[in-house]
Amino acid sequence: MFFKKLKENAKMFLKGMSWAGAARIRGEAIAENDIFYLLCFSDLLGIPNPGLYYTLEILPYMSKEMRSWEWKMLIKDTVSEAGEHDIA
């Protein structure tokens, strides 16, 4: 009885740890993705980008997420707080 309960509690503990870790990793990935988009397509937000000619080559591969990223950046108070509250 005791070992069965201990095993069940250990399972629940490890499952909880994995979900929290996955959420943190997902949040970090979203923040890094936002920074990458900002570096590549900052001119869409009014920030000059001298490497725009070269980043336009990857635009067809990133166009599916472009509108949602741009909207997410525009509703933030500042661009620097992008990714702080994006853990889903």
Protein backbone atom coordinates (compact mmCIF):
# COMPACT_ATOMS: atom_id res chain seq x y z
CA MET A 1 0.00 0.00 0.00
CA PHE A 2 2.71 2.46 1.03
CA PHE A 3 4.93 1.65 -1.96
CA LYS A 4 2.02 1.89 -4.36
CA LYS A 5 1.18 5.37 -3.07
CA LEU A 6 4.87 6.35 -3.16
CA LYS A 7 5.16 5.16 -6.76
CA GLU A 8 2.03 7.09 -7.76
CA ASN A 9 3.29 10.26 -6.06
CA ALA A 10 6.69 9.90 -7.73
CA LYS A 11 5.01 9.53 -11.13
CA MET A 12 2.92 12.65 -10.57
CA PHE A 13 5.98 14.58 -9.38
CA LEU A 14 8.03 13.68 -12.44
CA LYS A 15 5.13 14.43 -14.78
CA GLY A 16 4.72 17.84 -13.22
CA MET A 17 8.41 18.57 -13.60
CA SER A 18 8.35 17.68 -17.27
CA TRP A 19 5.37 19.93 -18.05
CA ALA A 20 6.94 22.91 -16.29
CA GLY A 21 10.20 22.34 -18.15
CA ALA A 22 8.41 22.11 -21.48
CA ALA A 23 6.55 25.36 -20.83
CA ARG A 24 9.79 27.16 -19.95
CA ILE A 25 11.54 25.82 -23.05
CA ARG A 26 8.55 26.80 -25.23
CA GLY A 27 8.66 30.33 -23.79
CA GLU A 28 12.38 30.63 -24.47
CA ALA A 29 11.91 29.37 -28.04
CA ILE A 30 9.15 31.93 -28.65
CA ALA A 31 11.35 34.72 -27.29
CA GLU A 32 14.30 33.69 -29.48
CA ASN A 33 12.04 33.40 -32.51
CA ASP A 34 10.76 36.94 -31.86
CA ILE A 35 14.31 38.26 -31.64
CA PHE A 36 15.23 36.54 -34.91
CA TYR A 37 12.22 38.06 -36.67
CA LEU A 38 13.08 41.46 -35.20
CA LEU A 39 16.65 41.25 -36.49
CA CYS A 40 15.54 40.15 -39.95
CA PHE A 41 12.44 42.29 -40.48
CA SER A 42 12.81 45.25 -38.15
CA ASP A 43 12.01 47.65 -41.00
CA LEU A 44 8.35 46.52 -40.78
CA LEU A 45 8.29 48.18 -37.36
CA GLY A 46 10.10 51.31 -38.53
CA ILE A 47 13.60 50.35 -37.40
CA PRO A 48 16.16 50.70 -40.22
CA ASN A 49 17.75 47.45 -41.32
CA PRO A 50 20.85 47.69 -43.53
CA GLY A 51 20.73 43.96 -44.32
CA LEU A 52 17.18 44.01 -45.66
CA TYR A 53 18.23 42.93 -49.14
CA TYR A 54 19.66 39.67 -47.80
CA THR A 55 16.84 38.95 -45.36
CA LEU A 56 14.24 39.26 -48.11
CA GLU A 57 15.52 35.98 -49.52
CA ILE A 58 14.11 34.07 -46.53
CA LEU A 59 10.77 35.91 -46.56
CA PRO A 60 8.88 33.19 -48.52
CA TYR A 61 9.82 30.63 -45.86
CA MET A 62 8.71 32.86 -43.00
CA SER A 63 5.64 34.49 -44.50
CA LYS A 64 3.15 32.18 -42.76
CA GLU A 65 4.09 33.53 -39.34
CA MET A 66 4.88 37.08 -40.41
CA ARG A 67 1.46 38.63 -39.83
CA SER A 68 1.01 37.15 -36.36
CA TRP A 69 4.55 38.17 -35.35
CA GLU A 70 4.07 41.71 -36.60
CA TRP A 71 0.77 42.01 -34.75
CA LYS A 72 2.35 40.63 -31.57
CA MET A 73 5.18 43.16 -31.79
CA LEU A 74 2.83 46.07 -32.44
CA ILE A 75 0.61 45.37 -29.43
CA LYS A 76 3.56 45.28 -27.01
CA ASP A 77 4.34 48.48 -25.10
CA THR A 78 7.94 48.22 -26.23
CA VAL A 79 9.74 45.83 -28.52
CA SER A 80 12.17 44.98 -25.73
CA GLU A 81 9.46 43.27 -23.67
CA ALA A 82 8.63 40.84 -26.48
CA GLY A 83 8.77 37.29 -25.26
CA GLU A 84 8.50 38.03 -21.54
CA HIS A 85 4.88 36.93 -21.22
CA ASP A 86 4.55 34.54 -24.15
CA ILE A 87 4.64 31.27 -22.22
CA ALA A 88 1.59 29.39 -23.37
